């Protein structure tokens, strides 16, 4: 046992201890921890344009961070400002369309014989439509009640989110200076190297996702504008934001895009929106993502999807964002410490 302890880096157990503490606090205070994680994630996003701005002569990194934060928070405010009017306007359109379609079913010919559809079938469809409208309204009321009940926690989370996102980047130098307090002195250089490599991998992933989000958002918005789908700017922004969720984000953005196409131009509009999304998705999968992210990530797509479901089940919506950083942590931890541990056995 003594020989094993000499061969194994003690920081291995310290890192496990910190990881378990993180899981415990997240379970005990999910709202606060979720806000901190969101803030940390957003601070990494803010850091990307800030680094580009700081390369301009006369622009400091701190000033670039401020400009980047203002721009990002403005985009978030625009999204929240836009989404509710869109939902209300499109909701007013889709329910009359469904009801009208159900009412007119008895006028439609059955194949080519000219016979009307049985009235019982029409009654069933009308009943299903009424139930759908009722359930949807009930769902909206439940969401509103849930939002009202969670306003106090939500306000706390928003404050923590803004503070963390705004100041985390400026706190990094201070954290680095005091990192020695949390790890064994004998192997501290190695611990710092592990954390630095992990941070660089996560930052590399976030930087790639920010660039991809900008390109995808622009292409989707431009495509929706050309096929005359309304709210093209909003759909582009939504596609860019959801692109931070690998593989699954396109489905989240695709639903409102297809619905907007359907409510404003019928089935042809829905098909046009779907074609735009498929073309952009294929461009991302086969050209953009390999070029921008490169081969540095080296994570299997199935592992990514599995980690998103597992992290989502434990951490909630925050887990979707934590999935890739968590995978990178486990990969680096395994290659740095676990392989060494097994060799020492």
C-alpha atoms as a PDB file:
ATOM      1  CA  UNK A   1       0.000   0.000   0.000  1.00  0.00           C
ATOM      2  CA  UNK A   2       2.859   2.378   0.808  1.00  0.00           C
ATOM      3  CA  UNK A   3       4.514   1.636  -2.537  1.00  0.00           C
ATOM      4  CA  UNK A   4       1.218   2.307  -4.315  1.00  0.00           C
ATOM      5  CA  UNK A   5       0.765   5.671  -2.567  1.00  0.00           C
ATOM      6  CA  UNK A   6       4.278   6.680  -3.600  1.00  0.00           C
ATOM      7  CA  UNK A   7       3.658   5.827  -7.245  1.00  0.00           C
ATOM      8  CA  UNK A   8       0.227   7.485  -7.513  1.00  0.00           C
ATOM      9  CA  UNK A   9      -0.205  11.254  -7.631  1.00  0.00           C
ATOM     10  CA  UNK A  10      -2.187  12.314  -4.497  1.00  0.00           C
ATOM     11  CA  UNK A  11      -3.879  15.011  -6.578  1.00  0.00           C
ATOM     12  CA  UNK A  12      -5.872  12.193  -8.157  1.00  0.00           C
ATOM     13  CA  UNK A  13      -7.927  11.818  -4.959  1.00  0.00           C
ATOM     14  CA  UNK A  14      -8.158  15.579  -4.412  1.00  0.00           C
ATOM     15  CA  UNK A  15      -9.723  16.029  -7.846  1.00  0.00           C
ATOM     16  CA  UNK A  16     -12.228  13.240  -7.142  1.00  0.00           C
ATOM     17  CA  UNK A  17     -13.075  14.930  -3.829  1.00  0.00           C
ATOM     18  CA  UNK A  18     -13.729  18.284  -5.537  1.00  0.00           C
ATOM     19  CA  UNK A  19     -15.812  16.569  -8.207  1.00  0.00           C
ATOM     20  CA  UNK A  20     -17.993  14.868  -5.579  1.00  0.00           C
ATOM     21  CA  UNK A  21     -18.419  18.194  -3.758  1.00  0.00           C
ATOM     22  CA  UNK A  22     -19.596  19.758  -7.021  1.00  0.00           C
ATOM     23  CA  UNK A  23     -22.158  16.977  -7.535  1.00  0.00           C
ATOM     24  CA  UNK A  24     -23.355  17.303  -3.932  1.00  0.00           C
ATOM     25  CA  UNK A  25     -23.833  21.069  -4.099  1.00  0.00           C
ATOM     26  CA  UNK A  26     -25.633  20.750  -7.414  1.00  0.00           C
ATOM     27  CA  UNK A  27     -28.054  18.276  -5.859  1.00  0.00           C
ATOM     28  CA  UNK A  28     -28.612  20.459  -2.782  1.00  0.00           C
ATOM     29  CA  UNK A  29     -28.896  23.846  -4.551  1.00  0.00           C
ATOM     30  CA  UNK A  30     -29.643  23.214  -8.243  1.00  0.00           C
ATOM     31  CA  UNK A  31     -30.917  26.741  -8.966  1.00  0.00           C
ATOM     32  CA  UNK A  32     -27.831  28.501  -7.618  1.00  0.00           C
ATOM     33  CA  UNK A  33     -25.359  25.993  -9.061  1.00  0.00           C
ATOM     34  CA  UNK A  34     -27.182  26.015 -12.384  1.00  0.00           C
ATOM     35  CA  UNK A  35     -26.937  29.809 -12.537  1.00  0.00           C
ATOM     36  CA  UNK A  36     -23.214  29.633 -11.743  1.00  0.00           C
ATOM     37  CA  UNK A  37     -22.646  27.036 -14.471  1.00  0.00           C
ATOM     38  CA  UNK A  38     -24.639  29.076 -16.992  1.00  0.00           C
ATOM     39  CA  UNK A  39     -22.636  32.144 -16.007  1.00  0.00           C
ATOM     40  CA  UNK A  40     -19.336  30.288 -16.351  1.00  0.00           C
ATOM     41  CA  UNK A  41     -20.361  28.942 -19.755  1.00  0.00           C
ATOM     42  CA  UNK A  42     -21.447  32.381 -20.922  1.00  0.00           C
ATOM     43  CA  UNK A  43     -18.177  33.891 -19.676  1.00  0.00           C
ATOM     44  CA  UNK A  44     -16.316  31.501 -21.985  1.00  0.00           C
ATOM     45  CA  UNK A  45     -18.535  32.641 -24.858  1.00  0.00           C
ATOM     46  CA  UNK A  46     -17.874  36.302 -23.977  1.00  0.00           C
ATOM     47  CA  UNK A  47     -14.165  35.552 -23.965  1.00  0.00           C
ATOM     48  CA  UNK A  48     -14.154  34.490 -27.646  1.00  0.00           C
ATOM     49  CA  UNK A  49     -15.014  37.851 -29.290  1.00  0.00           C
ATOM     50  CA  UNK A  50     -13.104  39.642 -26.509  1.00  0.00           C
ATOM     51  CA  UNK A  51      -9.884  37.902 -27.606  1.00  0.00           C
ATOM     52  CA  UNK A  52     -10.478  38.932 -31.218  1.00  0.00           C
ATOM     53  CA  UNK A  53     -11.229  42.535 -30.216  1.00  0.00           C
ATOM     54  CA  UNK A  54      -8.100  42.712 -28.054  1.00  0.00           C
ATOM     55  CA  UNK A  55      -5.991  42.081 -31.171  1.00  0.00           C
ATOM     56  CA  UNK A  56      -7.128  45.442 -32.543  1.00  0.00           C
ATOM     57  CA  UNK A  57      -4.606  48.163 -31.838  1.00  0.00           C
ATOM     58  CA  UNK A  58      -5.672  50.350 -28.917  1.00  0.00           C
ATOM     59  CA  UNK A  59      -8.320  47.895 -27.636  1.00  0.00           C
ATOM     60  CA  UNK A  60      -7.461  46.256 -24.315  1.00  0.00           C
ATOM     61  CA  UNK A  61      -8.687  42.786 -23.384  1.00  0.00           C
ATOM     62  CA  UNK A  62     -10.739  44.227 -20.515  1.00  0.00           C
ATOM     63  CA  UNK A  63     -12.473  46.720 -22.814  1.00  0.00           C
ATOM     64  CA  UNK A  64     -13.056  43.941 -25.364  1.00  0.00           C
ATOM     65  CA  UNK A  65     -14.653  41.840 -22.620  1.00  0.00           C
ATOM     66  CA  UNK A  66     -17.029  44.685 -21.727  1.00  0.00           C
ATOM     67  CA  UNK A  67     -18.050  45.213 -25.366  1.00  0.00           C
ATOM     68  CA  UNK A  68     -18.491  41.469 -25.870  1.00  0.00           C
ATOM     69  CA  UNK A  69     -20.613  41.129 -22.706  1.00  0.00           C
ATOM     70  CA  UNK A  70     -22.858  44.047 -23.700  1.00  0.00           C
ATOM     71  CA  UNK A  71     -23.349  42.575 -27.171  1.00  0.00           C
ATOM     72  CA  UNK A  72     -24.159  39.100 -25.874  1.00  0.00           C
ATOM     73  CA  UNK A  73     -26.594  40.310 -23.209  1.00  0.00           C
ATOM     74  CA  UNK A  74     -28.289  42.467 -25.866  1.00  0.00           C
ATOM     75  CA  UNK A  75     -28.803  39.391 -28.046  1.00  0.00           C
ATOM     76  CA  UNK A  76     -30.264  37.470 -25.097  1.00  0.00           C
ATOM     77  CA  UNK A  77     -32.614  40.377 -24.334  1.00  0.00           C
ATOM     78  CA  UNK A  78     -33.662  40.468 -28.000  1.00  0.00           C
ATOM     79  CA  UNK A  79     -34.456  36.737 -27.910  1.00  0.00           C
ATOM     80  CA  UNK A  80     -36.675  37.054 -24.829  1.00  0.00           C
ATOM     81  CA  UNK A  81     -38.316  40.187 -26.237  1.00  0.00           C
ATOM     82  CA  UNK A  82     -39.101  38.455 -29.551  1.00  0.00           C
ATOM     83  CA  UNK A  83     -40.209  34.993 -28.527  1.00  0.00           C
ATOM     84  CA  UNK A  84     -43.473  35.825 -26.713  1.00  0.00           C
ATOM     85  CA  UNK A  85     -45.031  38.026 -29.466  1.00  0.00           C
ATOM     86  CA  UNK A  86     -44.107  35.341 -32.011  1.00  0.00           C
ATOM     87  CA  UNK A  87     -45.741  32.596 -29.920  1.00  0.00           C
ATOM     88  CA  UNK A  88     -48.906  34.660 -29.471  1.00  0.00           C
ATOM     89  CA  UNK A  89     -49.180  35.660 -33.151  1.00  0.00           C
ATOM     90  CA  UNK A  90     -48.541  32.178 -34.500  1.00  0.00           C
ATOM     91  CA  UNK A  91     -50.793  30.585 -31.871  1.00  0.00           C
ATOM     92  CA  UNK A  92     -53.643  32.769 -33.138  1.00  0.00           C
ATOM     93  CA  UNK A  93     -53.060  31.435 -36.642  1.00  0.00           C
ATOM     94  CA  UNK A  94     -52.560  27.732 -36.073  1.00  0.00           C
ATOM     95  CA  UNK A  95     -55.672  26.970 -33.989  1.00  0.00           C
ATOM     96  CA  UNK A  96     -58.158  28.475 -36.497  1.00  0.00           C
ATOM     97  CA  UNK A  97     -56.312  26.588 -39.265  1.00  0.00           C
ATOM     98  CA  UNK A  98     -56.735  23.269 -37.442  1.00  0.00           C
ATOM     99  CA  UNK A  99     -60.397  23.949 -36.628  1.00  0.00           C
ATOM    100  CA  UNK A 100     -61.145  25.058 -40.187  1.00  0.00           C
ATOM    101  CA  UNK A 101     -59.487  21.947 -41.599  1.00  0.00           C
ATOM    102  CA  UNK A 102     -61.584  19.752 -39.308  1.00  0.00           C
ATOM    103  CA  UNK A 103     -64.813  21.559 -40.228  1.00  0.00           C
ATOM    104  CA  UNK A 104     -64.131  21.271 -43.962  1.00  0.00           C
ATOM    105  CA  UNK A 105     -63.315  17.571 -43.914  1.00  0.00           C
ATOM    106  CA  UNK A 106     -66.897  16.651 -44.857  1.00  0.00           C
ATOM    107  CA  UNK A 107     -66.516  18.604 -48.102  1.00  0.00           C
ATOM    108  CA  UNK A 108     -63.472  16.639 -49.241  1.00  0.00           C
ATOM    109  CA  UNK A 109     -64.053  13.798 -51.720  1.00  0.00           C
ATOM    110  CA  UNK A 110     -63.138  10.280 -50.787  1.00  0.00           C
ATOM    111  CA  UNK A 111     -60.509   9.269 -53.380  1.00  0.00           C
ATOM    112  CA  UNK A 112     -61.978  10.070 -56.823  1.00  0.00           C
ATOM    113  CA  UNK A 113     -65.560   8.936 -56.254  1.00  0.00           C
ATOM    114  CA  UNK A 114     -66.774  12.282 -54.953  1.00  0.00           C
ATOM    115  CA  UNK A 115     -68.279  10.702 -51.812  1.00  0.00           C
ATOM    116  CA  UNK A 116     -67.981  12.858 -48.649  1.00  0.00           C
ATOM    117  CA  UNK A 117     -66.120  11.584 -45.621  1.00  0.00           C
ATOM    118  CA  UNK A 118     -68.289   9.919 -43.005  1.00  0.00           C
ATOM    119  CA  UNK A 119     -69.670  12.427 -40.480  1.00  0.00           C
ATOM    120  CA  UNK A 120     -68.435  10.217 -37.629  1.00  0.00           C
ATOM    121  CA  UNK A 121     -64.868  10.713 -38.828  1.00  0.00           C
ATOM    122  CA  UNK A 122     -65.436  14.463 -38.951  1.00  0.00           C
ATOM    123  CA  UNK A 123     -66.841  14.418 -35.399  1.00  0.00           C
ATOM    124  CA  UNK A 124     -63.832  12.438 -34.169  1.00  0.00           C
ATOM    125  CA  UNK A 125     -61.387  14.893 -35.757  1.00  0.00           C
ATOM    126  CA  UNK A 126     -63.298  17.891 -34.384  1.00  0.00           C
ATOM    127  CA  UNK A 127     -63.306  16.297 -30.923  1.00  0.00           C
ATOM    128  CA  UNK A 128     -59.559  15.636 -31.121  1.00  0.00           C
ATOM    129  CA  UNK A 129     -58.986  19.220 -32.258  1.00  0.00           C
ATOM    130  CA  UNK A 130     -61.013  20.605 -29.355  1.00  0.00           C
ATOM    131  CA  UNK A 131     -59.094  18.403 -26.924  1.00  0.00           C
ATOM    132  CA  UNK A 132     -55.787  19.547 -28.428  1.00  0.00           C
ATOM    133  CA  UNK A 133     -56.698  23.221 -28.024  1.00  0.00           C
ATOM    134  CA  UNK A 134     -57.932  22.594 -24.464  1.00  0.00           C
ATOM    135  CA  UNK A 135     -54.813  20.632 -23.470  1.00  0.00           C
ATOM    136  CA  UNK A 136     -52.537  23.223 -25.038  1.00  0.00           C
ATOM    137  CA  UNK A 137     -54.287  26.029 -23.151  1.00  0.00           C
ATOM    138  CA  UNK A 138     -54.051  24.026 -19.920  1.00  0.00           C
ATOM    139  CA  UNK A 139     -50.362  23.425 -20.615  1.00  0.00           C
ATOM    140  CA  UNK A 140     -49.825  27.170 -21.065  1.00  0.00           C
ATOM    141  CA  UNK A 141     -51.583  27.932 -17.766  1.00  0.00           C
ATOM    142  CA  UNK A 142     -49.451  25.333 -15.944  1.00  0.00           C
ATOM    143  CA  UNK A 143     -46.277  26.853 -17.369  1.00  0.00           C
ATOM    144  CA  UNK A 144     -47.402  30.319 -16.276  1.00  0.00           C
ATOM    145  CA  UNK A 145     -48.123  29.070 -12.739  1.00  0.00           C
ATOM    146  CA  UNK A 146     -44.738  27.338 -12.583  1.00  0.00           C
ATOM    147  CA  UNK A 147     -43.001  30.528 -13.727  1.00  0.00           C
ATOM    148  CA  UNK A 148     -44.804  32.609 -11.086  1.00  0.00           C
ATOM    149  CA  UNK A 149     -43.922  30.106  -8.329  1.00  0.00           C
ATOM    150  CA  UNK A 150     -40.243  30.142  -9.282  1.00  0.00           C
ATOM    151  CA  UNK A 151     -39.866  33.921  -9.679  1.00  0.00           C
ATOM    152  CA  UNK A 152     -37.907  34.359  -6.368  1.00  0.00           C
ATOM    153  CA  UNK A 153     -35.469  31.555  -7.237  1.00  0.00           C
ATOM    154  CA  UNK A 154     -35.338  32.797 -10.798  1.00  0.00           C
ATOM    155  CA  UNK A 155     -34.385  36.332  -9.755  1.00  0.00           C
ATOM    156  CA  UNK A 156     -31.564  34.958  -7.576  1.00  0.00           C
ATOM    157  CA  UNK A 157     -30.386  32.788 -10.445  1.00  0.00           C
ATOM    158  CA  UNK A 158     -30.461  35.701 -12.910  1.00  0.00           C
ATOM    159  CA  UNK A 159     -28.373  37.901 -10.593  1.00  0.00           C
ATOM    160  CA  UNK A 160     -25.805  35.111 -10.082  1.00  0.00           C
ATOM    161  CA  UNK A 161     -25.847  34.365 -13.788  1.00  0.00           C
ATOM    162  CA  UNK A 162     -25.101  37.972 -14.777  1.00  0.00           C
ATOM    163  CA  UNK A 163     -22.442  38.455 -12.095  1.00  0.00           C
ATOM    164  CA  UNK A 164     -20.693  35.178 -12.935  1.00  0.00           C
ATOM    165  CA  UNK A 165     -20.803  35.791 -16.683  1.00  0.00           C
ATOM    166  CA  UNK A 166     -19.539  39.357 -16.306  1.00  0.00           C
ATOM    167  CA  UNK A 167     -16.714  38.801 -13.823  1.00  0.00           C
ATOM    168  CA  UNK A 168     -15.500  35.221 -14.197  1.00  0.00           C
ATOM    169  CA  UNK A 169     -13.081  36.121 -16.989  1.00  0.00           C
ATOM    170  CA  UNK A 170     -11.469  38.836 -14.868  1.00  0.00           C
ATOM    171  CA  UNK A 171     -11.240  36.461 -11.873  1.00  0.00           C
ATOM    172  CA  UNK A 172      -9.204  33.831 -13.731  1.00  0.00           C
ATOM    173  CA  UNK A 173      -5.776  35.366 -12.950  1.00  0.00           C
ATOM    174  CA  UNK A 174      -6.663  35.494  -9.241  1.00  0.00           C
ATOM    175  CA  UNK A 175      -7.854  31.874  -9.292  1.00  0.00           C
ATOM    176  CA  UNK A 176      -4.649  30.784 -10.976  1.00  0.00           C
ATOM    177  CA  UNK A 177      -2.508  32.541  -8.360  1.00  0.00           C
ATOM    178  CA  UNK A 178      -4.336  30.802  -5.507  1.00  0.00           C
ATOM    179  CA  UNK A 179      -4.633  27.364  -7.099  1.00  0.00           C
ATOM    180  CA  UNK A 180      -1.688  26.090  -5.028  1.00  0.00           C
ATOM    181  CA  UNK A 181      -3.884  26.245  -1.916  1.00  0.00           C
ATOM    182  CA  UNK A 182      -6.111  23.421  -3.188  1.00  0.00           C
ATOM    183  CA  UNK A 183      -3.624  20.791  -4.381  1.00  0.00           C
ATOM    184  CA  UNK A 184      -0.707  18.829  -2.873  1.00  0.00           C
ATOM    185  CA  UNK A 185       2.507  20.832  -3.023  1.00  0.00           C
ATOM    186  CA  UNK A 186       4.610  17.852  -4.118  1.00  0.00           C
ATOM    187  CA  UNK A 187       2.792  17.452  -7.446  1.00  0.00           C
ATOM    188  CA  UNK A 188       1.286  20.915  -7.889  1.00  0.00           C
ATOM    189  CA  UNK A 189       3.017  21.642 -11.251  1.00  0.00           C
ATOM    190  CA  UNK A 190       1.421  18.511 -12.683  1.00  0.00           C
ATOM    191  CA  UNK A 191      -1.992  19.433 -11.244  1.00  0.00           C
ATOM    192  CA  UNK A 192      -1.717  22.893 -12.786  1.00  0.00           C
ATOM    193  CA  UNK A 193      -0.743  21.332 -16.106  1.00  0.00           C
ATOM    194  CA  UNK A 194      -3.803  19.051 -15.965  1.00  0.00           C
ATOM    195  CA  UNK A 195      -6.174  21.945 -15.203  1.00  0.00           C
ATOM    196  CA  UNK A 196      -4.584  24.177 -17.850  1.00  0.00           C
ATOM    197  CA  UNK A 197      -4.924  21.462 -20.503  1.00  0.00           C
ATOM    198  CA  UNK A 198      -8.558  20.858 -19.514  1.00  0.00           C
ATOM    199  CA  UNK A 199      -9.359  24.571 -19.625  1.00  0.00           C
ATOM    200  CA  UNK A 200      -7.718  24.899 -23.060  1.00  0.00           C
ATOM    201  CA  UNK A 201      -9.724  21.943 -24.393  1.00  0.00           C
ATOM    202  CA  UNK A 202     -12.995  23.391 -23.098  1.00  0.00           C
ATOM    203  CA  UNK A 203     -12.101  26.837 -24.428  1.00  0.00           C
ATOM    204  CA  UNK A 204     -11.200  25.310 -27.794  1.00  0.00           C
ATOM    205  CA  UNK A 205     -14.610  23.619 -27.927  1.00  0.00           C
ATOM    206  CA  UNK A 206     -16.476  26.795 -26.912  1.00  0.00           C
ATOM    207  CA  UNK A 207     -14.532  28.907 -29.429  1.00  0.00           C
ATOM    208  CA  UNK A 208     -15.385  26.462 -32.199  1.00  0.00           C
ATOM    209  CA  UNK A 209     -19.048  26.402 -31.171  1.00  0.00           C
ATOM    210  CA  UNK A 210     -19.245  30.215 -31.117  1.00  0.00           C
ATOM    211  CA  UNK A 211     -17.833  30.415 -34.646  1.00  0.00           C
ATOM    212  CA  UNK A 212     -20.155  27.630 -35.807  1.00  0.00           C
ATOM    213  CA  UNK A 213     -23.141  29.289 -34.114  1.00  0.00           C
ATOM    214  CA  UNK A 214     -22.457  32.560 -35.923  1.00  0.00           C
ATOM    215  CA  UNK A 215     -22.118  30.873 -39.321  1.00  0.00           C
ATOM    216  CA  UNK A 216     -25.122  28.564 -38.823  1.00  0.00           C
ATOM    217  CA  UNK A 217     -27.294  31.409 -37.540  1.00  0.00           C
ATOM    218  CA  UNK A 218     -26.359  33.580 -40.533  1.00  0.00           C
ATOM    219  CA  UNK A 219     -26.998  30.798 -43.073  1.00  0.00           C
ATOM    220  CA  UNK A 220     -30.355  29.793 -41.559  1.00  0.00           C
ATOM    221  CA  UNK A 221     -31.507  33.409 -41.291  1.00  0.00           C
ATOM    222  CA  UNK A 222     -30.445  34.111 -44.892  1.00  0.00           C
ATOM    223  CA  UNK A 223     -32.083  30.923 -46.145  1.00  0.00           C
ATOM    224  CA  UNK A 224     -35.361  31.644 -44.354  1.00  0.00           C
ATOM    225  CA  UNK A 225     -35.333  35.187 -45.763  1.00  0.00           C
ATOM    226  CA  UNK A 226     -34.915  33.916 -49.335  1.00  0.00           C
ATOM    227  CA  UNK A 227     -37.745  31.365 -49.026  1.00  0.00           C
ATOM    228  CA  UNK A 228     -39.896  34.081 -47.406  1.00  0.00           C
ATOM    229  CA  UNK A 229     -40.397  32.496 -43.993  1.00  0.00           C
ATOM    230  CA  UNK A 230     -41.304  35.226 -41.458  1.00  0.00           C
ATOM    231  CA  UNK A 231     -39.101  36.059 -38.465  1.00  0.00           C
ATOM    232  CA  UNK A 232     -36.011  34.963 -40.405  1.00  0.00           C
ATOM    233  CA  UNK A 233     -33.727  36.957 -38.087  1.00  0.00           C
ATOM    234  CA  UNK A 234     -35.178  35.268 -35.002  1.00  0.00           C
ATOM    235  CA  UNK A 235     -34.938  31.807 -36.580  1.00  0.00           C
ATOM    236  CA  UNK A 236     -31.302  32.470 -37.453  1.00  0.00           C
ATOM    237  CA  UNK A 237     -30.571  33.558 -33.900  1.00  0.00           C
ATOM    238  CA  UNK A 238     -32.398  30.520 -32.484  1.00  0.00           C
ATOM    239  CA  UNK A 239     -30.462  28.175 -34.783  1.00  0.00           C
ATOM    240  CA  UNK A 240     -27.188  29.723 -33.664  1.00  0.00           C
ATOM    241  CA  UNK A 241     -28.036  29.398 -29.970  1.00  0.00           C
ATOM    242  CA  UNK A 242     -29.280  25.812 -30.200  1.00  0.00           C
ATOM    243  CA  UNK A 243     -26.167  24.894 -32.174  1.00  0.00           C
ATOM    244  CA  UNK A 244     -24.328  24.842 -28.822  1.00  0.00           C
ATOM    245  CA  UNK A 245     -26.109  21.509 -28.246  1.00  0.00           C
ATOM    246  CA  UNK A 246     -24.332  19.048 -30.585  1.00  0.00           C
ATOM    247  CA  UNK A 247     -26.542  16.853 -32.813  1.00  0.00           C
ATOM    248  CA  UNK A 248     -29.801  17.678 -30.965  1.00  0.00           C
ATOM    249  CA  UNK A 249     -29.831  21.470 -31.390  1.00  0.00           C
ATOM    250  CA  UNK A 250     -30.960  21.316 -35.015  1.00  0.00           C
ATOM    251  CA  UNK A 251     -34.184  19.535 -33.995  1.00  0.00           C
ATOM    252  CA  UNK A 252     -34.935  22.177 -31.348  1.00  0.00           C
ATOM    253  CA  UNK A 253     -34.558  24.978 -33.906  1.00  0.00           C
ATOM    254  CA  UNK A 254     -36.304  23.001 -36.638  1.00  0.00           C
ATOM    255  CA  UNK A 255     -39.694  22.719 -34.928  1.00  0.00           C
ATOM    256  CA  UNK A 256     -40.520  26.470 -34.765  1.00  0.00           C
ATOM    257  CA  UNK A 257     -39.058  27.016 -38.251  1.00  0.00           C
ATOM    258  CA  UNK A 258     -41.290  24.367 -39.834  1.00  0.00           C
ATOM    259  CA  UNK A 259     -44.328  25.583 -37.849  1.00  0.00           C
ATOM    260  CA  UNK A 260     -43.738  29.170 -38.985  1.00  0.00           C
ATOM    261  CA  UNK A 261     -43.477  27.972 -42.564  1.00  0.00           C
ATOM    262  CA  UNK A 262     -46.707  25.995 -42.213  1.00  0.00           C
ATOM    263  CA  UNK A 263     -48.771  28.739 -40.521  1.00  0.00           C
ATOM    264  CA  UNK A 264     -47.756  31.346 -43.099  1.00  0.00           C
ATOM    265  CA  UNK A 265     -47.508  29.369 -46.351  1.00  0.00           C
ATOM    266  CA  UNK A 266     -49.071  25.991 -45.651  1.00  0.00           C
ATOM    267  CA  UNK A 267     -47.326  22.724 -46.482  1.00  0.00           C
ATOM    268  CA  UNK A 268     -45.089  24.313 -49.188  1.00  0.00           C
ATOM    269  CA  UNK A 269     -43.799  26.779 -46.586  1.00  0.00           C
ATOM    270  CA  UNK A 270     -43.039  23.973 -44.127  1.00  0.00           C
ATOM    271  CA  UNK A 271     -41.178  22.060 -46.865  1.00  0.00           C
ATOM    272  CA  UNK A 272     -39.125  25.147 -47.783  1.00  0.00           C
ATOM    273  CA  UNK A 273     -38.123  25.688 -44.142  1.00  0.00           C
ATOM    274  CA  UNK A 274     -37.209  22.006 -43.824  1.00  0.00           C
ATOM    275  CA  UNK A 275     -35.047  22.144 -46.973  1.00  0.00           C
ATOM    276  CA  UNK A 276     -33.129  25.168 -45.638  1.00  0.00           C
ATOM    277  CA  UNK A 277     -32.466  23.400 -42.324  1.00  0.00           C
ATOM    278  CA  UNK A 278     -31.338  20.169 -44.022  1.00  0.00           C
ATOM    279  CA  UNK A 279     -28.925  21.991 -46.353  1.00  0.00           C
ATOM    280  CA  UNK A 280     -27.379  24.007 -43.506  1.00  0.00           C
ATOM    281  CA  UNK A 281     -27.155  20.927 -41.276  1.00  0.00           C
ATOM    282  CA  UNK A 282     -25.350  18.949 -43.986  1.00  0.00           C
ATOM    283  CA  UNK A 283     -22.938  21.846 -44.579  1.00  0.00           C
ATOM    284  CA  UNK A 284     -22.163  21.888 -40.862  1.00  0.00           C
ATOM    285  CA  UNK A 285     -21.750  18.114 -40.538  1.00  0.00           C
ATOM    286  CA  UNK A 286     -19.564  17.513 -43.592  1.00  0.00           C
ATOM    287  CA  UNK A 287     -17.651  20.768 -43.999  1.00  0.00           C
ATOM    288  CA  UNK A 288     -17.921  23.430 -41.291  1.00  0.00           C
ATOM    289  CA  UNK A 289     -17.597  21.354 -38.112  1.00  0.00           C
ATOM    290  CA  UNK A 290     -14.602  19.252 -39.284  1.00  0.00           C
ATOM    291  CA  UNK A 291     -12.792  22.384 -40.481  1.00  0.00           C
ATOM    292  CA  UNK A 292     -13.468  24.512 -37.377  1.00  0.00           C
ATOM    293  CA  UNK A 293     -13.357  21.950 -34.573  1.00  0.00           C
ATOM    294  CA  UNK A 294     -10.745  19.799 -36.298  1.00  0.00           C
ATOM    295  CA  UNK A 295      -9.724  16.471 -34.807  1.00  0.00           C
ATOM    296  CA  UNK A 296      -8.672  17.836 -31.448  1.00  0.00           C
ATOM    297  CA  UNK A 297     -11.869  16.837 -29.646  1.00  0.00           C
ATOM    298  CA  UNK A 298     -11.535  13.127 -30.579  1.00  0.00           C
ATOM    299  CA  UNK A 299     -14.814  12.189 -28.894  1.00  0.00           C
ATOM    300  CA  UNK A 300     -17.173   9.610 -30.361  1.00  0.00           C
ATOM    301  CA  UNK A 301     -20.581  10.984 -31.390  1.00  0.00           C
ATOM    302  CA  UNK A 302     -22.402   8.250 -29.433  1.00  0.00           C
ATOM    303  CA  UNK A 303     -20.463   9.194 -26.279  1.00  0.00           C
ATOM    304  CA  UNK A 304     -21.526  12.823 -26.797  1.00  0.00           C
ATOM    305  CA  UNK A 305     -25.231  11.976 -27.125  1.00  0.00           C
ATOM    306  CA  UNK A 306     -25.102   9.532 -24.199  1.00  0.00           C
ATOM    307  CA  UNK A 307     -23.362  12.101 -21.993  1.00  0.00           C
ATOM    308  CA  UNK A 308     -25.979  14.735 -22.881  1.00  0.00           C
ATOM    309  CA  UNK A 309     -28.800  12.421 -21.798  1.00  0.00           C
ATOM    310  CA  UNK A 310     -26.991  11.352 -18.610  1.00  0.00           C
ATOM    311  CA  UNK A 311     -25.959  14.889 -17.657  1.00  0.00           C
ATOM    312  CA  UNK A 312     -29.408  16.174 -18.577  1.00  0.00           C
ATOM    313  CA  UNK A 313     -31.088  13.635 -16.292  1.00  0.00           C
ATOM    314  CA  UNK A 314     -28.873  14.643 -13.337  1.00  0.00           C
ATOM    315  CA  UNK A 315     -28.232  18.360 -13.867  1.00  0.00           C
ATOM    316  CA  UNK A 316     -31.378  19.290 -15.797  1.00  0.00           C
ATOM    317  CA  UNK A 317     -31.104  21.675 -18.737  1.00  0.00           C
ATOM    318  CA  UNK A 318     -27.670  22.791 -17.510  1.00  0.00           C
ATOM    319  CA  UNK A 319     -26.447  19.249 -18.080  1.00  0.00           C
ATOM    320  CA  UNK A 320     -26.822  19.653 -21.838  1.00  0.00           C
ATOM    321  CA  UNK A 321     -24.182  22.396 -21.717  1.00  0.00           C
ATOM    322  CA  UNK A 322     -22.029  20.504 -19.221  1.00  0.00           C
ATOM    323  CA  UNK A 323     -21.960  17.278 -21.243  1.00  0.00           C
ATOM    324  CA  UNK A 324     -18.942  18.064 -23.453  1.00  0.00           C
ATOM    325  CA  UNK A 325     -16.850  19.727 -20.687  1.00  0.00           C
ATOM    326  CA  UNK A 326     -17.648  16.734 -18.455  1.00  0.00           C
ATOM    327  CA  UNK A 327     -16.543  14.315 -21.173  1.00  0.00           C
ATOM    328  CA  UNK A 328     -13.323  16.276 -21.680  1.00  0.00           C
ATOM    329  CA  UNK A 329     -12.698  16.195 -17.926  1.00  0.00           C
ATOM    330  CA  UNK A 330     -13.214  12.421 -17.731  1.00  0.00           C
ATOM    331  CA  UNK A 331     -11.032  11.814 -20.791  1.00  0.00           C
ATOM    332  CA  UNK A 332      -8.159  13.950 -19.489  1.00  0.00           C
ATOM    333  CA  UNK A 333      -8.493  12.597 -15.954  1.00  0.00           C
ATOM    334  CA  UNK A 334      -8.383   9.018 -17.217  1.00  0.00           C
ATOM    335  CA  UNK A 335      -5.316   9.576 -19.398  1.00  0.00           C
ATOM    336  CA  UNK A 336      -3.474  11.597 -16.734  1.00  0.00           C
ATOM    337  CA  UNK A 337      -4.271   9.747 -13.509  1.00  0.00           C
ATOM    338  CA  UNK A 338      -6.234   6.520 -13.976  1.00  0.00           C
ATOM    339  CA  UNK A 339      -3.819   4.859 -16.403  1.00  0.00           C
ATOM    340  CA  UNK A 340      -0.990   5.668 -14.013  1.00  0.00           C
ATOM    341  CA  UNK A 341      -3.029   4.231 -11.130  1.00  0.00           C
ATOM    342  CA  UNK A 342      -3.682   0.940 -12.953  1.00  0.00           C
ATOM    343  CA  UNK A 343      -0.012   0.602 -13.850  1.00  0.00           C
ATOM    344  CA  UNK A 344       0.901   1.015 -10.184  1.00  0.00           C
ATOM    345  CA  UNK A 345      -1.396  -1.825  -9.063  1.00  0.00           C
END
